[in-house]
Amino acid sequence: MRKKEHSGSAAVIGAQLVILFILTVSLCVQSRKAAAENTYAVMEKSGEGSRAGEPEKAGEAGDSQKKKYIHWVEFNVPADVMEKAFRLDMGTVQEEVHFNWVELLAYLGAKYGGDFERFRQADLDAVVEKLKSGAAMEEITKDMKYYAYYREAYGAVLDGMVGYFEQESGNNKVWLRKYGLKVFSPIAKNFPYSDFDDFGASRSYGFKRKHLGHDMMGQVGTPVIAVESGYVEALGWNQYGGWRIGIRSFDKKRYYYYAHLRQNYPYQSNLKEGSIVTAGDVIGYLGRTGYSTTENTNNITTPHLHFGIQLIFDESQKEGNNEIWINCYEIVKFLRMNQSETVKVEGTKEWTRVYNMKDPGIPESSEGTENLEQPEESEGPTTE
């Protein structure tokens, strides 16, 4: 009898152990599932690991935090539309409702999907009326899926172009504080040039490729102008561009490229890497150098300035296969309204600007850095 009772007890205990084991396994599974879901949610939020949260591209190699940034921009806003938005901005700077020209263009870009062949004046007028009535651009664009993209993309191109600045004016060169366009055409005032939309045209020197800039045909020695204030990031010979200058904007979003400069005397004499330039400064001279591994070679048939604008949202895009060069033909047309007037510096082979400018966009930390100044009179190197 006791043997049977003992046997029954053992069976009950065994069954309890089995049930306990099943419960333990079940709890472990649920715990792991919850942890996995938690991890997935965190990864999505931080942009790691999942398809939806996977970054478009990592930043610098070895970064533990991967970054998202814009990979491509097609800037095809016509010059006349840019001017319309610019005039609205400049004309309302002292009004209660001040129109931001980049926001207006970003709104139109989002509305048209970047296709400005669809532009209608009525669309611009309509958003202006909404803003006048007190609506904020954030409210107007809340249902526009791609407005944020166009605001950032167009801002990378245009944000440094309009604002307050001081400039000398008149025969007495009185300093005046102004609001408006504080960037300039790449070609000095009163110097003729011709151009057309050649972005994407085929090039074959070295290897077959697309032309990622804008050619401005002119006379050798024509003064080349700094479009925007910035610092000289590159200066010297490149077998494709010949003597060339690369200037980076202070917000680091734009890299301006000026190539095929004059043989023997391509730059202002005191220009060097690290120099701070102010928009409107003379930085170099149009020529036809390039297409040679030998420095100072004229291998370009037609004298011209190759002018390019590169957008940089992350330093990994500065050089390599991820570079973003935009078509700047319409921008050059737009900038023709503001050309820097220059005068020959007697006894030299250089020109200098007539009216100086103070750009508040130049960081205060740059005050100790060498700026471009008028050169002393000298014979200078032999010209071409």
Protein backbone atom coordinates (compact mmCIF):
# COMPACT_ATOMS: atom_id res chain seq x y z
CA MET A 1 0.00 0.00 0.00
CA ARG A 2 2.78 2.41 0.95
CA LYS A 3 4.62 1.43 -2.19
CA LYS A 4 1.61 2.47 -4.29
CA GLU A 5 1.29 5.77 -2.41
CA HIS A 6 4.99 6.46 -2.96
CA SER A 7 4.63 5.67 -6.64
CA GLY A 8 1.62 8.01 -6.95
CA SER A 9 3.50 10.82 -5.23
CA ALA A 10 6.42 10.45 -7.61
CA ALA A 11 4.09 10.66 -10.59
CA VAL A 12 2.50 13.87 -9.27
CA ILE A 13 5.90 15.44 -8.64
CA GLY A 14 7.06 14.44 -12.12
CA ALA A 15 3.99 15.98 -13.70
CA GLN A 16 4.54 19.19 -11.74
CA LEU A 17 8.16 19.33 -12.90
CA VAL A 18 7.06 18.91 -16.51
CA ILE A 19 4.49 21.72 -16.15
CA LEU A 20 7.11 23.95 -14.48
CA PHE A 21 9.56 23.27 -17.31
CA ILE A 22 6.95 24.13 -19.96
CA LEU A 23 6.09 27.38 -18.17
CA THR A 24 9.78 28.32 -17.89
CA VAL A 25 10.39 27.70 -21.61
CA SER A 26 7.29 29.69 -22.49
CA LEU A 27 8.41 32.65 -20.38
CA CYS A 28 11.89 32.57 -21.95
CA VAL A 29 10.44 32.59 -25.47
CA GLN A 30 8.15 35.51 -24.65
CA SER A 31 11.01 37.39 -23.02
CA ARG A 32 13.24 36.92 -26.07
CA LYS A 33 10.46 37.97 -28.41
CA ALA A 34 9.87 41.14 -26.38
CA ALA A 35 13.59 41.89 -26.34
CA ALA A 36 13.84 41.38 -30.10
CA GLU A 37 10.88 43.68 -30.71
CA ASN A 38 12.45 46.23 -28.41
CA THR A 39 15.79 46.06 -30.24
CA TYR A 40 14.05 46.34 -33.62
CA ALA A 41 12.21 49.45 -32.46
CA VAL A 42 15.43 51.04 -31.20
CA MET A 43 17.25 50.17 -34.43
CA GLU A 44 14.47 51.72 -36.50
CA LYS A 45 14.55 54.86 -34.41
CA SER A 46 18.32 55.23 -34.67
CA GLY A 47 18.37 54.33 -38.37
CA GLU A 48 20.28 51.08 -38.00
CA GLY A 49 19.66 47.54 -39.07
CA SER A 50 16.17 47.46 -40.53
CA ARG A 51 15.12 47.97 -44.11
CA ALA A 52 13.04 51.01 -43.24
CA GLY A 53 15.69 52.48 -40.95
CA GLU A 54 18.78 51.51 -42.92
CA PRO A 55 20.86 54.62 -43.67
CA GLU A 56 21.23 55.65 -47.29
CA LYS A 57 24.98 55.77 -46.82
CA ALA A 58 27.42 55.65 -43.96
CA GLY A 59 29.47 58.70 -43.18
CA GLU A 60 33.19 58.42 -42.55
CA ALA A 61 34.59 54.93 -42.28
CA GLY A 62 34.42 53.57 -38.76
CA ASP A 63 31.50 55.74 -37.68
CA SER A 64 29.46 53.89 -35.08
CA GLN A 65 26.49 56.19 -35.72
CA LYS A 66 25.48 55.96 -39.36
CA LYS A 67 24.07 59.11 -40.90
CA LYS A 68 21.39 59.97 -43.40
CA TYR A 69 21.93 62.74 -45.90
CA ILE A 70 20.92 63.77 -49.40
CA HIS A 71 22.58 61.76 -52.16
CA TRP A 72 21.33 63.51 -55.26
CA VAL A 73 20.10 66.94 -56.30
CA GLU A 74 18.82 68.02 -59.69
CA PHE A 75 18.64 71.79 -59.65
CA ASN A 76 16.70 73.06 -62.66
CA VAL A 77 14.96 76.17 -61.35
CA PRO A 78 14.81 78.68 -64.24
CA ALA A 79 16.58 82.02 -63.80
CA ASP A 80 13.35 83.97 -64.24
CA VAL A 81 11.60 81.97 -61.50
CA MET A 82 14.57 82.50 -59.19
CA GLU A 83 14.35 86.21 -59.89
CA LYS A 84 10.61 86.31 -59.13
CA ALA A 85 11.20 84.65 -55.74
CA PHE A 86 14.22 86.85 -55.05
CA ARG A 87 12.27 90.06 -55.77
CA LEU A 88 9.52 88.92 -53.40
CA ASP A 89 12.11 88.27 -50.69
CA MET A 90 13.96 91.55 -51.16
CA GLY A 91 10.77 93.60 -51.48
CA THR A 92 9.32 92.39 -48.18
CA VAL A 93 12.39 92.44 -45.95
CA GLN A 94 10.94 95.31 -43.90
CA GLU A 95 7.35 94.08 -44.03
CA GLU A 96 5.49 92.22 -41.31
CA VAL A 97 5.42 89.15 -43.55
CA HIS A 98 8.84 88.60 -45.11
CA PHE A 99 8.94 86.01 -47.89
CA ASN A 100 11.95 83.69 -47.87
CA TRP A 101 12.86 83.10 -51.51
CA VAL A 102 14.33 79.64 -50.90
CA GLU A 103 11.16 78.53 -49.12
CA LEU A 104 9.06 79.79 -52.02
CA LEU A 105 11.18 77.86 -54.52
CA ALA A 106 11.16 74.74 -52.32
CA TYR A 107 7.36 74.94 -52.18
CA LEU A 108 7.19 75.09 -55.98
CA GLY A 109 9.77 72.29 -56.28
CA ALA A 110 7.70 70.05 -54.01
CA LYS A 111 4.50 70.94 -55.89
CA TYR A 112 6.00 70.14 -59.30
CA GLY A 113 8.24 67.26 -58.29
CA GLY A 114 11.18 69.40 -59.40
CA ASP A 115 9.78 69.83 -62.92
CA PHE A 116 9.67 73.60 -63.43
CA GLU A 117 8.31 73.24 -66.94
CA ARG A 118 5.03 73.02 -65.02
CA PHE A 119 5.55 76.45 -63.43
CA ARG A 120 2.53 78.75 -63.39
CA GLN A 121 2.60 82.26 -61.98
CA ALA A 122 -0.76 81.53 -60.34
CA ASP A 123 0.88 78.87 -58.12
CA LEU A 124 3.44 81.36 -56.82
CA ASP A 125 0.76 84.01 -56.32
CA ALA A 126 -1.41 81.55 -54.40
CA VAL A 127 1.26 80.62 -51.84
CA VAL A 128 2.18 84.30 -51.44
CA GLU A 129 -1.46 85.12 -50.64
CA LYS A 130 -1.59 82.34 -48.05
CA LEU A 131 1.55 83.69 -46.39
CA LYS A 132 0.15 87.22 -46.46
CA SER A 133 -2.99 86.00 -44.72
CA GLY A 134 -0.87 84.79 -41.80
CA ALA A 135 -0.35 81.11 -42.62
CA ALA A 136 3.13 79.77 -41.87
CA MET A 137 5.05 77.84 -44.53
CA GLU A 138 5.14 74.86 -42.15
CA GLU A 139 1.35 74.84 -42.09
CA ILE A 140 1.02 75.29 -45.86
CA THR A 141 3.42 72.43 -46.59
CA LYS A 142 2.41 69.99 -43.84
CA ASP A 143 0.87 67.58 -46.38
CA MET A 144 3.63 67.98 -48.98
CA LYS A 145 5.67 64.82 -48.57
CA TYR A 146 8.86 66.13 -50.19
CA TYR A 147 8.90 69.77 -49.11
CA ALA A 148 11.58 69.09 -46.46
CA TYR A 149 13.81 67.50 -49.12
CA TYR A 150 13.47 70.42 -51.53
CA ARG A 151 14.02 72.94 -48.73
CA GLU A 152 17.28 71.28 -47.77
CA ALA A 153 18.40 70.64 -51.35
CA TYR A 154 17.59 74.11 -52.67
CA GLY A 155 18.92 75.63 -49.47
CA ALA A 156 22.26 73.94 -50.07
CA VAL A 157 22.40 75.75 -53.40
CA LEU A 158 20.91 79.14 -52.51
CA ASP A 159 21.02 79.83 -48.76
CA GLY A 160 24.25 81.84 -48.93
CA MET A 161 23.12 84.13 -51.74
CA VAL A 162 20.75 86.65 -50.15
CA GLY A 163 21.12 88.65 -46.94
CA TYR A 164 22.49 91.78 -45.33
CA PHE A 165 25.92 93.16 -46.21
CA GLU A 166 27.83 96.44 -46.41
CA GLN A 167 29.26 97.80 -49.65
CA GLU A 168 31.05 100.90 -50.86
CA SER A 169 28.90 103.09 -53.09
CA GLY A 170 29.33 106.13 -55.35
CA ASN A 171 32.42 108.14 -56.25
CA ASN A 172 33.21 108.76 -52.59
CA LYS A 173 32.82 105.06 -51.81
CA VAL A 174 30.53 105.61 -48.86
CA TRP A 175 29.74 102.43 -46.93
CA LEU A 176 26.05 101.49 -47.12
CA ARG A 177 24.23 98.67 -45.38
CA LYS A 178 22.12 96.75 -47.87
CA TYR A 179 19.87 93.73 -48.15
CA GLY A 180 19.87 91.73 -51.34
CA LEU A 181 22.03 89.59 -53.56
CA LYS A 182 25.45 89.20 -51.98
CA VAL A 183 26.87 86.85 -54.60
CA PHE A 184 28.28 87.72 -58.01
CA SER A 185 28.62 86.46 -61.56
CA PRO A 186 31.87 84.51 -62.11
CA ILE A 187 32.82 87.00 -64.88
CA ALA A 188 33.67 90.64 -64.10
CA LYS A 189 31.43 93.47 -65.26
CA ASN A 190 32.03 94.90 -68.76
CA PHE A 191 33.89 91.80 -69.95
CA PRO A 192 31.99 89.96 -72.71
CA TYR A 193 31.37 86.23 -72.66
CA SER A 194 29.11 83.71 -74.35
CA ASP A 195 27.63 80.50 -73.01
CA PHE A 196 24.95 77.87 -73.46
CA ASP A 197 23.59 74.95 -71.44
CA ASP A 198 26.38 72.38 -71.86
CA PHE A 199 25.94 70.44 -68.62
CA GLY A 200 26.14 66.70 -69.28
CA ALA A 201 27.80 67.06 -72.69
CA SER A 202 30.30 64.35 -73.62
CA ARG A 203 34.01 64.75 -72.87
CA SER A 204 36.72 62.33 -73.97
CA TYR A 205 40.11 63.58 -72.75
CA GLY A 206 41.57 60.92 -70.47
CA PHE A 207 38.35 58.91 -70.45
CA LYS A 208 34.80 59.28 -71.69
CA ARG A 209 32.67 61.21 -69.22
CA LYS A 210 29.98 63.85 -68.85
CA HIS A 211 30.74 67.53 -68.52
CA LEU A 212 29.78 68.48 -64.96
CA GLY A 213 30.21 72.22 -65.17
CA HIS A 214 29.37 75.30 -67.19
CA ASP A 215 31.71 76.79 -69.81
CA MET A 216 31.82 80.57 -70.26
CA MET A 217 33.73 81.56 -73.40
CA GLY A 218 35.64 84.84 -73.24
CA GLN A 219 38.93 86.62 -73.79
CA VAL A 220 42.15 85.42 -72.20
CA GLY A 221 42.87 87.56 -69.15
CA THR A 222 39.23 88.32 -68.32
CA PRO A 223 39.00 88.73 -64.52
CA VAL A 224 37.37 85.77 -62.78
CA ILE A 225 35.29 86.64 -59.72
CA ALA A 226 34.60 84.84 -56.44
CA VAL A 227 30.88 84.08 -56.61
CA GLU A 228 30.44 83.64 -52.86
CA SER A 229 32.59 84.43 -49.85
CA GLY A 230 34.58 81.44 -48.65
CA TYR A 231 38.06 80.03 -48.27
CA VAL A 232 40.43 78.65 -50.88
CA GLU A 233 40.42 74.89 -50.52
CA ALA A 234 42.33 73.98 -53.70
CA LEU A 235 44.83 75.88 -55.80
CA GLY A 236 47.19 74.56 -58.45
CA TRP A 237 47.47 72.35 -61.51
CA ASN A 238 45.09 69.60 -62.53
CA GLN A 239 45.57 67.80 -65.84
CA TYR A 240 41.89 68.16 -66.70
CA GLY A 241 41.20 71.65 -65.40
CA GLY A 242 44.64 73.15 -65.90
CA TRP A 243 45.28 75.96 -63.45
CA ARG A 244 42.26 75.89 -61.18
CA ILE A 245 40.84 77.27 -57.94
CA GLY A 246 38.43 75.56 -55.54
CA ILE A 247 36.58 77.76 -53.03
CA ARG A 248 34.44 76.32 -50.22
CA SER A 249 31.53 78.23 -48.72
CA PHE A 250 31.73 78.85 -44.99
CA ASP A 251 28.79 76.54 -44.29
CA LYS A 252 30.74 73.90 -46.28
CA LYS A 253 27.69 73.06 -48.40
CA ARG A 254 29.06 74.50 -51.66
CA TYR A 255 32.36 74.02 -53.49
CA TYR A 256 32.97 76.45 -56.37
CA TYR A 257 35.33 75.24 -59.07
CA TYR A 258 37.06 77.63 -61.51
CA ALA A 259 39.24 75.95 -64.16
CA HIS A 260 41.33 76.50 -67.35
CA LEU A 261 42.81 79.71 -65.94
CA ARG A 262 45.43 81.83 -67.72
CA GLN A 263 48.84 80.45 -68.59
CA ASN A 264 51.77 81.88 -66.59
CA TYR A 265 49.60 84.17 -64.45
CA PRO A 266 46.44 82.27 -63.46
CA TYR A 267 45.65 83.78 -60.03
CA GLN A 268 45.83 86.94 -57.98
CA SER A 269 49.41 87.11 -56.73
CA ASN A 270 48.52 86.86 -53.02
CA LEU A 271 46.02 84.01 -53.35
CA LYS A 272 46.94 80.75 -51.64
CA GLU A 273 45.28 77.74 -50.07
CA GLY A 274 43.52 78.90 -46.91
CA SER A 275 43.02 82.47 -48.15
CA ILE A 276 39.69 84.05 -47.26
CA VAL A 277 37.92 85.61 -50.24
CA THR A 278 34.94 87.95 -50.21
CA ALA A 279 32.23 87.61 -52.84
CA GLY A 280 33.10 89.93 -55.72
CA ASP A 281 36.89 89.67 -55.29
CA VAL A 282 39.04 89.05 -58.35
CA ILE A 283 40.60 85.63 -57.84
CA GLY A 284 42.07 84.74 -61.24
CA TYR A 285 42.01 85.14 -65.00
CA LEU A 286 40.28 83.30 -67.82
CA GLY A 287 42.54 81.19 -70.03
CA ARG A 288 42.84 77.88 -71.85
CA THR A 289 45.15 75.71 -69.76
CA GLY A 290 44.56 72.02 -69.14
CA TYR A 291 44.22 68.64 -70.83
CA SER A 292 47.86 67.89 -70.12
CA THR A 293 49.97 66.27 -67.42
CA THR A 294 52.55 69.00 -68.01
CA GLU A 295 51.97 72.08 -65.88
CA ASN A 296 51.19 75.43 -67.50
CA THR A 297 50.20 73.90 -70.85
CA ASN A 298 47.63 75.51 -73.15
CA ASN A 299 45.78 72.52 -74.61
CA ILE A 300 42.26 73.94 -74.64
CA THR A 301 41.28 75.24 -78.08
CA THR A 302 38.77 77.91 -77.06
CA PRO A 303 39.56 80.22 -74.13
CA HIS A 304 36.88 79.81 -71.48
CA LEU A 305 36.16 79.56 -67.79
CA HIS A 306 34.90 76.20 -66.61
CA PHE A 307 32.67 77.05 -63.65
CA GLY A 308 31.21 74.34 -61.45
CA ILE A 309 29.17 74.05 -58.25
CA GLN A 310 29.42 70.93 -56.12
CA LEU A 311 27.02 70.28 -53.23
CA ILE A 312 28.34 68.55 -50.13
CA PHE A 313 25.97 67.21 -47.47
CA ASP A 314 28.60 64.91 -45.95
CA GLU A 315 32.40 64.98 -46.29
CA SER A 316 32.31 61.51 -47.83
CA GLN A 317 30.79 63.21 -50.90
CA LYS A 318 33.71 65.60 -51.41
CA GLU A 319 35.67 63.27 -53.67
CA GLY A 320 34.81 59.99 -55.37
CA ASN A 321 31.79 58.40 -56.98
CA ASN A 322 29.28 60.17 -54.72
CA GLU A 323 30.01 63.74 -55.81
CA ILE A 324 27.00 65.97 -56.55
CA TRP A 325 27.58 68.54 -59.29
CA ILE A 326 24.60 70.62 -60.32
CA ASN A 327 23.75 72.30 -63.59
CA CYS A 328 24.59 75.94 -62.88
CA TYR A 329 23.58 77.41 -66.26
CA GLU A 330 20.40 79.00 -64.88
CA ILE A 331 22.27 80.20 -61.79
CA VAL A 332 24.84 81.96 -63.99
CA LYS A 333 22.00 83.61 -65.93
CA PHE A 334 20.45 84.73 -62.65
CA LEU A 335 23.77 86.10 -61.34
CA ARG A 336 24.33 88.22 -64.41
CA MET A 337 22.29 90.94 -62.68
CA ASN A 338 25.15 91.34 -60.19
CA GLN A 339 28.61 91.59 -61.76
CA SER A 340 31.63 92.90 -59.88
CA GLU A 341 33.11 96.05 -61.39
CA THR A 342 36.91 95.91 -61.68
CA VAL A 343 39.81 98.21 -62.52
CA LYS A 344 43.32 97.47 -63.80
CA VAL A 345 46.08 97.78 -61.22
CA GLU A 346 48.70 99.93 -62.94
CA GLY A 347 52.12 98.35 -63.32
CA THR A 348 50.79 94.83 -62.78
CA LYS A 349 48.98 92.15 -64.75
CA GLU A 350 46.12 92.18 -62.26
CA TRP A 351 42.69 93.69 -61.83
CA THR A 352 40.95 94.51 -58.56
CA ARG A 353 37.36 95.24 -57.57
CA VAL A 354 36.17 98.86 -57.52
CA TYR A 355 33.68 98.60 -54.63
CA ASN A 356 34.67 96.62 -51.57
CA MET A 357 32.16 94.65 -49.55
CA LYS A 358 31.84 93.50 -45.94
CA ASP A 359 30.08 90.16 -45.71
CA PRO A 360 28.76 89.27 -42.22
CA GLY A 361 28.75 85.67 -43.43
CA ILE A 362 32.53 85.57 -43.00
CA PRO A 363 33.13 83.99 -39.56
CA GLU A 364 34.78 86.19 -36.96
CA SER A 365 37.37 83.47 -36.43
CA SER A 366 38.58 84.21 -39.99
CA GLU A 367 39.57 87.79 -39.21
CA GLY A 368 43.17 86.84 -38.63
CA THR A 369 43.40 84.89 -41.86
CA GLU A 370 44.95 86.56 -44.88
CA ASN A 371 42.39 88.21 -47.12
CA LEU A 372 42.81 89.31 -50.72
CA GLU A 373 44.13 92.83 -51.02
CA GLN A 374 45.24 95.06 -53.87
CA PRO A 375 48.76 94.03 -54.95
CA GLU A 376 51.70 96.40 -54.93
CA GLU A 377 52.83 97.65 -58.33
CA SER A 378 55.32 95.29 -59.97
CA GLU A 379 56.19 93.85 -63.35
CA GLY A 380 54.87 90.43 -62.36
CA PRO A 381 55.46 87.17 -64.23
CA THR A 382 55.47 87.06 -68.01
CA THR A 383 52.00 86.72 -69.47
CA GLU A 384 51.01 84.11 -72.07
